[in-house]
Amino acid sequence: MATHEVFSDSVKKIKIPNSCIAMSVKLLSPFEMLRSEKARFVLA
């Protein structure tokens, strides 16, 4: 899962990193995800 959100202690609004940690899902920043997928943006 890639997101710019960060872990939060709030109980009113659950953020993506909180749910990823609870479900044991690896959390990446969007830039880490693009690097790991070797994404290339090519202007034609």
PDB file of N, CA and C in Angstrom:
ATOM      1  N   MET A   1       0.852  -1.159   0.000  1.00  0.00           N
ATOM      2  CA  MET A   1       0.000   0.000   0.000  1.00  0.00           C
ATOM      3  C   MET A   1       0.903   1.229   0.000  1.00  0.00           C
ATOM      4  N   ALA A   2       0.605   2.187  -0.859  1.00  0.00           N
ATOM      5  CA  ALA A   2       1.397   3.413  -0.931  1.00  0.00           C
ATOM      6  C   ALA A   2       0.509   4.620  -0.603  1.00  0.00           C
ATOM      7  N   THR A   3       1.003   5.446   0.293  1.00  0.00           N
ATOM      8  CA  THR A   3       0.241   6.618   0.710  1.00  0.00           C
ATOM      9  C   THR A   3       1.170   7.679   1.288  1.00  0.00           C
ATOM     10  N   HIS A   4       0.723   8.919   1.303  1.00  0.00           N
ATOM     11  CA  HIS A   4       1.462  10.013   1.933  1.00  0.00           C
ATOM     12  C   HIS A   4       1.041  10.175   3.394  1.00  0.00           C
ATOM     13  N   GLU A   5       0.006   9.466   3.824  1.00  0.00           N
ATOM     14  CA  GLU A   5      -0.472   9.589   5.202  1.00  0.00           C
ATOM     15  C   GLU A   5       0.554   8.993   6.166  1.00  0.00           C
ATOM     16  N   VAL A   6       0.499   9.458   7.400  1.00  0.00           N
ATOM     17  CA  VAL A   6       1.363   8.926   8.447  1.00  0.00           C
ATOM     18  C   VAL A   6       0.500   8.363   9.569  1.00  0.00           C
ATOM     19  N   PHE A   7       1.104   7.505  10.375  1.00  0.00           N
ATOM     20  CA  PHE A   7       0.415   6.885  11.508  1.00  0.00           C
ATOM     21  C   PHE A   7      -0.184   7.956  12.419  1.00  0.00           C
ATOM     22  N   SER A   8      -1.371   7.707  12.945  1.00  0.00           N
ATOM     23  CA  SER A   8      -2.047   8.664  13.817  1.00  0.00           C
ATOM     24  C   SER A   8      -2.622   7.945  15.033  1.00  0.00           C
ATOM     25  N   ASP A   9      -2.608   8.631  16.166  1.00  0.00           N
ATOM     26  CA  ASP A   9      -3.179   8.072  17.394  1.00  0.00           C
ATOM     27  C   ASP A   9      -4.661   8.381  17.545  1.00  0.00           C
ATOM     28  N   SER A  10      -5.253   9.068  16.584  1.00  0.00           N
ATOM     29  CA  SER A  10      -6.661   9.459  16.656  1.00  0.00           C
ATOM     30  C   SER A  10      -7.568   8.233  16.588  1.00  0.00           C
ATOM     31  N   VAL A  11      -8.610   8.234  17.401  1.00  0.00           N
ATOM     32  CA  VAL A  11      -9.579   7.136  17.361  1.00  0.00           C
ATOM     33  C   VAL A  11     -10.805   7.508  16.532  1.00  0.00           C
ATOM     34  N   LYS A  12     -10.958   8.797  16.211  1.00  0.00           N
ATOM     35  CA  LYS A  12     -12.117   9.234  15.437  1.00  0.00           C
ATOM     36  C   LYS A  12     -11.936   9.013  13.940  1.00  0.00           C
ATOM     37  N   LYS A  13     -10.705   9.156  13.458  1.00  0.00           N
ATOM     38  CA  LYS A  13     -10.447   8.994  12.028  1.00  0.00           C
ATOM     39  C   LYS A  13      -9.287   8.024  11.848  1.00  0.00           C
ATOM     40  N   ILE A  14      -9.578   6.853  11.306  1.00  0.00           N
ATOM     41  CA  ILE A  14      -8.557   5.828  11.107  1.00  0.00           C
ATOM     42  C   ILE A  14      -7.867   6.088   9.770  1.00  0.00           C
ATOM     43  N   LYS A  15      -6.550   6.184   9.795  1.00  0.00           N
ATOM     44  CA  LYS A  15      -5.778   6.444   8.584  1.00  0.00           C
ATOM     45  C   LYS A  15      -5.256   5.142   7.994  1.00  0.00           C
ATOM     46  N   ILE A  16      -4.888   5.192   6.734  1.00  0.00           N
ATOM     47  CA  ILE A  16      -4.414   4.005   6.011  1.00  0.00           C
ATOM     48  C   ILE A  16      -3.239   3.335   6.725  1.00  0.00           C
ATOM     49  N   PRO A  17      -2.210   4.077   7.172  1.00  0.00           N
ATOM     50  CA  PRO A  17      -1.099   3.393   7.853  1.00  0.00           C
ATOM     51  C   PRO A  17      -1.533   2.615   9.090  1.00  0.00           C
ATOM     52  N   ASN A  18      -2.503   3.133   9.834  1.00  0.00           N
ATOM     53  CA  ASN A  18      -3.006   2.413  11.008  1.00  0.00           C
ATOM     54  C   ASN A  18      -3.623   1.081  10.608  1.00  0.00           C
ATOM     55  N   SER A  19      -4.422   1.074   9.562  1.00  0.00           N
ATOM     56  CA  SER A  19      -5.066  -0.168   9.141  1.00  0.00           C
ATOM     57  C   SER A  19      -4.045  -1.131   8.542  1.00  0.00           C
ATOM     58  N   CYS A  20      -3.034  -0.619   7.846  1.00  0.00           N
ATOM     59  CA  CYS A  20      -1.986  -1.490   7.290  1.00  0.00           C
ATOM     60  C   CYS A  20      -1.217  -2.192   8.406  1.00  0.00           C
ATOM     61  N   ILE A  21      -0.883  -1.446   9.451  1.00  0.00           N
ATOM     62  CA  ILE A  21      -0.170  -2.036  10.582  1.00  0.00           C
ATOM     63  C   ILE A  21      -1.035  -3.098  11.248  1.00  0.00           C
ATOM     64  N   ALA A  22      -2.325  -2.822  11.418  1.00  0.00           N
ATOM     65  CA  ALA A  22      -3.234  -3.778  12.058  1.00  0.00           C
ATOM     66  C   ALA A  22      -3.392  -5.055  11.228  1.00  0.00           C
ATOM     67  N   MET A  23      -3.309  -4.931   9.892  1.00  0.00           N
ATOM     68  CA  MET A  23      -3.512  -6.081   9.001  1.00  0.00           C
ATOM     69  C   MET A  23      -2.193  -6.696   8.527  1.00  0.00           C
ATOM     70  N   SER A  24      -1.055  -6.207   9.040  1.00  0.00           N
ATOM     71  CA  SER A  24       0.287  -6.686   8.660  1.00  0.00           C
ATOM     72  C   SER A  24       0.550  -6.535   7.162  1.00  0.00           C
ATOM     73  N   VAL A  25       0.142  -5.400   6.616  1.00  0.00           N
ATOM     74  CA  VAL A  25       0.372  -5.086   5.205  1.00  0.00           C
ATOM     75  C   VAL A  25       1.544  -4.120   5.127  1.00  0.00           C
ATOM     76  N   LYS A  26       2.482  -4.378   4.201  1.00  0.00           N
ATOM     77  CA  LYS A  26       3.642  -3.515   4.059  1.00  0.00           C
ATOM     78  C   LYS A  26       3.214  -2.148   3.548  1.00  0.00           C
ATOM     79  N   LEU A  27       3.706  -1.108   4.194  1.00  0.00           N
ATOM     80  CA  LEU A  27       3.358   0.255   3.848  1.00  0.00           C
ATOM     81  C   LEU A  27       4.561   0.935   3.224  1.00  0.00           C
ATOM     82  N   LEU A  28       4.370   1.543   2.046  1.00  0.00           N
ATOM     83  CA  LEU A  28       5.429   2.258   1.337  1.00  0.00           C
ATOM     84  C   LEU A  28       4.978   3.677   1.043  1.00  0.00           C
ATOM     85  N   SER A  29       5.949   4.557   0.890  1.00  0.00           N
ATOM     86  CA  SER A  29       5.612   5.885   0.384  1.00  0.00           C
ATOM     87  C   SER A  29       5.402   5.735  -1.125  1.00  0.00           C
ATOM     88  N   PRO A  30       4.711   6.665  -1.759  1.00  0.00           N
ATOM     89  CA  PRO A  30       4.529   6.571  -3.211  1.00  0.00           C
ATOM     90  C   PRO A  30       5.858   6.505  -3.964  1.00  0.00           C
ATOM     91  N   PHE A  31       6.882   7.199  -3.467  1.00  0.00           N
ATOM     92  CA  PHE A  31       8.181   7.198  -4.131  1.00  0.00           C
ATOM     93  C   PHE A  31       8.880   5.847  -3.989  1.00  0.00           C
ATOM     94  N   GLU A  32       8.776   5.216  -2.822  1.00  0.00           N
ATOM     95  CA  GLU A  32       9.344   3.879  -2.625  1.00  0.00           C
ATOM     96  C   GLU A  32       8.645   2.871  -3.533  1.00  0.00           C
ATOM     97  N   MET A  33       7.338   2.995  -3.667  1.00  0.00           N
ATOM     98  CA  MET A  33       6.573   2.095  -4.524  1.00  0.00           C
ATOM     99  C   MET A  33       6.991   2.250  -5.991  1.00  0.00           C
ATOM    100  N   LEU A  34       7.134   3.492  -6.452  1.00  0.00           N
ATOM    101  CA  LEU A  34       7.548   3.723  -7.839  1.00  0.00           C
ATOM    102  C   LEU A  34       8.951   3.167  -8.091  1.00  0.00           C
ATOM    103  N   ARG A  35       9.858   3.342  -7.120  1.00  0.00           N
ATOM    104  CA  ARG A  35      11.209   2.792  -7.262  1.00  0.00           C
ATOM    105  C   ARG A  35      11.181   1.271  -7.316  1.00  0.00           C
ATOM    106  N   SER A  36      10.418   0.647  -6.446  1.00  0.00           N
ATOM    107  CA  SER A  36      10.374  -0.818  -6.400  1.00  0.00           C
ATOM    108  C   SER A  36       9.729  -1.406  -7.655  1.00  0.00           C
ATOM    109  N   GLU A  37       8.807  -0.682  -8.262  1.00  0.00           N
ATOM    110  CA  GLU A  37       8.160  -1.143  -9.496  1.00  0.00           C
ATOM    111  C   GLU A  37       8.918  -0.724 -10.751  1.00  0.00           C
ATOM    112  N   LYS A  38      10.018   0.020 -10.553  1.00  0.00           N
ATOM    113  CA  LYS A  38      10.839   0.513 -11.663  1.00  0.00           C
ATOM    114  C   LYS A  38       9.999   1.297 -12.685  1.00  0.00           C
ATOM    115  N   ALA A  39       9.139   2.160 -12.154  1.00  0.00           N
ATOM    116  CA  ALA A  39       8.265   2.962 -13.013  1.00  0.00           C
ATOM    117  C   ALA A  39       9.090   3.966 -13.813  1.00  0.00           C
ATOM    118  N   ARG A  40       8.705   4.167 -15.057  1.00  0.00           N
ATOM    119  CA  ARG A  40       9.369   5.140 -15.921  1.00  0.00           C
ATOM    120  C   ARG A  40       8.306   6.019 -16.551  1.00  0.00           C
ATOM    121  N   PHE A  41       8.537   7.306 -16.536  1.00  0.00           N
ATOM    122  CA  PHE A  41       7.633   8.260 -17.151  1.00  0.00           C
ATOM    123  C   PHE A  41       8.350   8.833 -18.366  1.00  0.00           C
ATOM    124  N   VAL A  42       7.839   8.522 -19.542  1.00  0.00           N
ATOM    125  CA  VAL A  42       8.518   8.884 -20.784  1.00  0.00           C
ATOM    126  C   VAL A  42       7.667   9.885 -21.549  1.00  0.00           C
ATOM    127  N   LEU A  43       8.272  11.023 -21.898  1.00  0.00           N
ATOM    128  CA  LEU A  43       7.598  12.019 -22.725  1.00  0.00           C
ATOM    129  C   LEU A  43       7.938  11.708 -24.176  1.00  0.00           C
ATOM    130  N   ALA A  44       6.909  11.547 -24.972  1.00  0.00           N
ATOM    131  CA  ALA A  44       7.135  11.214 -26.383  1.00  0.00           C
ATOM    132  C   ALA A  44       7.224  12.459 -27.239  1.00  0.00           C
TER     133      ALA A  44
END
